[in-house]
Amino acid sequence: MSPARILVVDDTPSNLKLLGDLLAVKGYAVTTAASGEEALSKMAAETPDLVVLDADPQLVDPHTIGAIGVVATYLEGRRFDW
C-alpha cells in the first residue's frame, strides 16, 4: 500500500518545512506549496489524500479556499453540493 499523500500549504517557510518534515518522518508522501495558487496547481498535477492549509487571508483568500475544496472533491470523484 502506498503512503497517504498530504499537501501542506503555508506561506511561512519554517512552518512549511517543520510540518512537511514531521509528516515525512511518519511515512507520509508530502508535497508543499507556499500559496493557494501553487496549491491548486499541485493538486491538478497530483491528487492529495489530505490538504493541510494555513487559512491566513494573506496566504489564501476565501474564494481560493473554496476552490481548493471544490477541486479536491472533484478529483476524488464525488459530487459537490452547496
Protein backbone atom coordinates (compact mmCIF):
# COMPACT_ATOMS: atom_id res chain seq x y z
CA MET A 1 0.00 0.00 0.00
CA SER A 2 1.37 3.40 -0.93
CA PRO A 3 1.62 6.12 1.73
CA ALA A 4 -1.08 8.75 2.00
CA ARG A 5 -0.29 11.90 0.01
CA ILE A 6 -0.51 15.13 2.01
CA LEU A 7 -0.31 18.62 0.56
CA VAL A 8 0.85 21.20 3.13
CA VAL A 9 0.12 24.86 2.31
CA ASP A 10 1.71 27.68 4.32
CA ASP A 11 3.39 30.96 3.45
CA THR A 12 5.90 30.73 6.30
CA PRO A 13 8.87 28.66 5.07
CA SER A 14 9.84 27.42 8.55
CA ASN A 15 6.27 26.19 9.21
CA LEU A 16 6.16 24.52 5.82
CA LYS A 17 9.46 22.73 6.43
CA LEU A 18 8.63 21.72 10.01
CA LEU A 19 5.24 20.21 9.21
CA GLY A 20 6.49 18.65 5.99
CA ASP A 21 9.43 17.03 7.78
CA LEU A 22 7.27 15.78 10.66
CA LEU A 23 4.79 14.18 8.29
CA ALA A 24 7.53 12.68 6.10
CA VAL A 25 9.18 11.07 9.14
CA LYS A 26 5.81 9.44 9.90
CA GLY A 27 5.84 7.90 6.43
CA TYR A 28 3.53 10.22 4.51
CA ALA A 29 4.27 11.39 0.97
CA VAL A 30 4.42 15.15 1.47
CA THR A 31 4.12 17.91 -1.11
CA THR A 32 4.36 21.56 -0.11
CA ALA A 33 3.02 24.82 -1.52
CA ALA A 34 3.69 28.40 -0.42
CA SER A 35 0.42 29.87 -1.75
CA GLY A 36 -3.14 28.94 -2.59
CA GLU A 37 -2.47 29.29 -6.28
CA GLU A 38 0.53 26.98 -6.03
CA ALA A 39 -1.61 24.50 -4.08
CA LEU A 40 -4.23 24.44 -6.84
CA SER A 41 -1.51 23.85 -9.43
CA LYS A 42 -0.02 20.98 -7.44
CA MET A 43 -3.48 19.48 -6.84
CA ALA A 44 -4.07 19.45 -10.59
CA ALA A 45 -0.79 17.57 -11.11
CA GLU A 46 -1.31 15.01 -8.33
CA THR A 47 -4.37 14.49 -6.18
CA PRO A 48 -3.54 14.59 -2.46
CA ASP A 49 -5.39 12.50 0.10
CA LEU A 50 -5.34 15.40 2.55
CA VAL A 51 -4.70 19.15 2.34
CA VAL A 52 -3.34 20.91 5.44
CA LEU A 53 -3.93 24.59 4.86
CA ASP A 54 -2.88 27.73 6.69
CA ALA A 55 -6.10 29.71 6.27
CA ASP A 56 -4.43 33.09 6.76
CA PRO A 57 -6.24 35.57 4.48
CA GLN A 58 -2.87 36.93 3.33
CA LEU A 59 -1.97 33.48 2.03
CA VAL A 60 -5.29 32.36 0.62
CA ASP A 61 -8.40 34.39 0.01
CA PRO A 62 -11.78 32.74 0.81
CA HIS A 63 -12.50 32.14 -2.88
CA THR A 64 -9.27 30.17 -3.29
CA ILE A 65 -10.03 28.12 -0.16
CA GLY A 66 -13.40 27.30 -1.69
CA ALA A 67 -11.76 26.42 -4.99
CA ILE A 68 -9.33 24.07 -3.23
CA GLY A 69 -12.31 22.31 -1.63
CA VAL A 70 -14.17 22.04 -4.93
CA VAL A 71 -11.09 20.79 -6.80
CA ALA A 72 -10.31 18.23 -4.09
CA THR A 73 -13.87 16.95 -4.13
CA TYR A 74 -13.98 16.84 -7.94
CA LEU A 75 -10.66 14.99 -8.17
CA GLU A 76 -11.93 12.48 -5.65
CA GLY A 77 -14.90 11.84 -7.93
CA ARG A 78 -17.62 12.96 -5.56
CA ARG A 79 -20.42 15.33 -6.41
CA PHE A 80 -20.11 18.66 -4.65
CA ASP A 81 -23.41 20.18 -3.48
CA TRP A 82 -23.53 23.51 -1.67
